[in-house]
Amino acid sequence: MLMLALVFAAGACRSQKDTEARLPVLTIEKTPCFGRCPTYKASVYEDGTVFYEGRQFVAKEGTYEFQAPAEQVKQWLQEAKQLGYFQLEDEYPTKATDLPSTITSVRLDGKTKQITAVENVPPALRAFQTKLHESMMQLIEEQEGKPATERHD
């Protein structure tokens, strides 16, 4: 009986780890505005896999899967940690209806947090989001001329 309980417990731990491995460690999403704002969502996984959906006003529109360097992923997560990402507000809203949002999420040390930022964003968070956005745009542009795996979900 004890052996059976241990087998189930080990399976449950592995199942939880498998589930966590399928969750992104980092996401960034840019929402539309009344204008030409880049609109996309990118989900980054621990192994560097990136699922990217370019919607409009970006270098690549469509859904793609590609690899980000593992060191880049570690750097993004380290920057989020140094920023105190988990201590920030969940939302920095606005009353204006024509401004784009930047929605980021971070999964680190067993915790996940999402922040929706529009206005009155702390400078350190804005800098993190800008750097993440610029890095993501550079990565997707580097896919130009290379076979990117287009996903058809």
Foldseek 3Di string as FASTA:
>chain_A
DVVVVVVVVVVVVVVVVVVLQPAFQKKKAKPAFPDQDWGKIWGAGQQQWIWIAGPGNAPDHATFIDGDPNVVVVVLLVLCVVLVVVPDDQEADDPDDGFMWMWMWGQDPNDIGIHIYTPPDPPSVVVSSVVVVVVVSVVVVVCVVPDTHGDDD
